[in-house]
Structure formats: structure tokens, C-alpha cells
Amino acid sequence: MIDNDRVKPLIQDILPVKIYCESLEDSDPENYNKLQTSFSEILQTIDLDTIGKPDDWPENVAVSFRNKKPNKLFDGRGEIEYIITQKCKDYLAYGYDIHAKIKLADSWVNRFDKTQYQFTHNHLANPDDASFVSGTYYYDSSGHDGNIIFANKVQNGLTISGQALQPKTGMLCMFPAWLDHCVEANRTDKRRISFAFNFIKDDIYGY
């Protein structure tokens, strides 16, 4: 029972998480066209119908990511690397006042057909994982094929409220690699294709 005579404590939300979300088709059409062209070229080298998923993943998502193999889908694609690296540096500078050299560590493709989804997870595979910033680029999305939802979890009885972002073709989203997120099931008949990646800090080889 609450004692109404007690002075209410001052409660502040002091731990905001800043997420980068940009619709390149609207705000940066030149780089949007470059990315769409480069990703289209990558897709010509992949059979999306057979990419499957790691055996230990319980959900039915289809991804080219593999736990024990290099995930370097963007290798040799300098235009992709340059564009998203510059966007990530802006995200770090204006969102967190961080000015660090970074480089792409992992990159892979996600395929979401009807009913496919992904459970809550983050991009830190283990305590020694160096992933710094993670992100997704939506190459082809109807906008109604499943939101990405950030940090909706309960720990020790305290609820961390979630935030949903609705995908659309050309949307670039970046967030701290430790941030929990999930992907709702695609309930449409249209396939959604997105490309995901991780950045690490690298003072020697980074940009």
C-alpha cells in the first residue's frame, strides 16, 4: 500500500539510447541509388532461396550469417563500405560525441518471407566480442512486413520499454551492438530483403 503522505521521489530517465534512422531515398537520393545498385549486384551472386540459417537458431529467419564462418558479404564493395562508414561516423559524432576510427567487421543478408521472424537478440556473440555499432539497410520492404523492435525486456522485475521502427525500402538504421532487438513476423506475401553489418573500433586500419 502506498503512503500518500510521503514525498514522491524525483525520477529521471537518464539512460537514453540514441538510434540512427535515415530514409536515404528521401534525404540522400544519390547514395540511395548507389546502394541499391551495389546491393542488387550482390544479390545476383546469391541464391536467396537456399541461404537457410544457423542450426542453433530457433526462429525461422533466413540469413547468410554463420556463427563459425567469416561473414564478409561487403568485401570488395568499396562504395557500400564508404557510404555506410561515413553515415556511422556521423551517427557516433552527433549522437554520442565519439570520434573514433571504425571499420566493418561483419556483413550479411537477411531474407524474410511470410511468417519469418527473429527472436530478441543483440550483436555481441560473447563477452569478448568487439562489435561496436550494428546496423541494417532495407533493400526491399513494403513497409508492412514486420517492424524491428528495440530493447523490450524485463530484467529483475524492471521493464525496459521498447521502441518499434517500421522498415521501408532505403532505410538505414544503426544502433549500439549491445542493444537488444527483435524482428516481427512478416505477415505479407511479399519478401523483405535487408543487409546487416557490424562495425568495430580500429585505430590502425579504420577510417
Foldseek 3Di string as FASTA:
>chain_A
DDDPVDDDDDDDDDDDFDKDKDQCVPVPVVLLVVVLVLVVVLVVVDDQVPQFDEPPFPFGKGKVDDDPDAACSCPPVVSVFVVVQVVVQCCCCVVPVDHFFKGWRHKIKIKAAAFGWHDKDFQQPDPPRQFFKKKKAWQADPQQFWWKKWQQDADPRDTDHIDTDGDHHRMIMMGTRHIIIIIDHGNDRDMTMMMMTTMGTDRPPGD
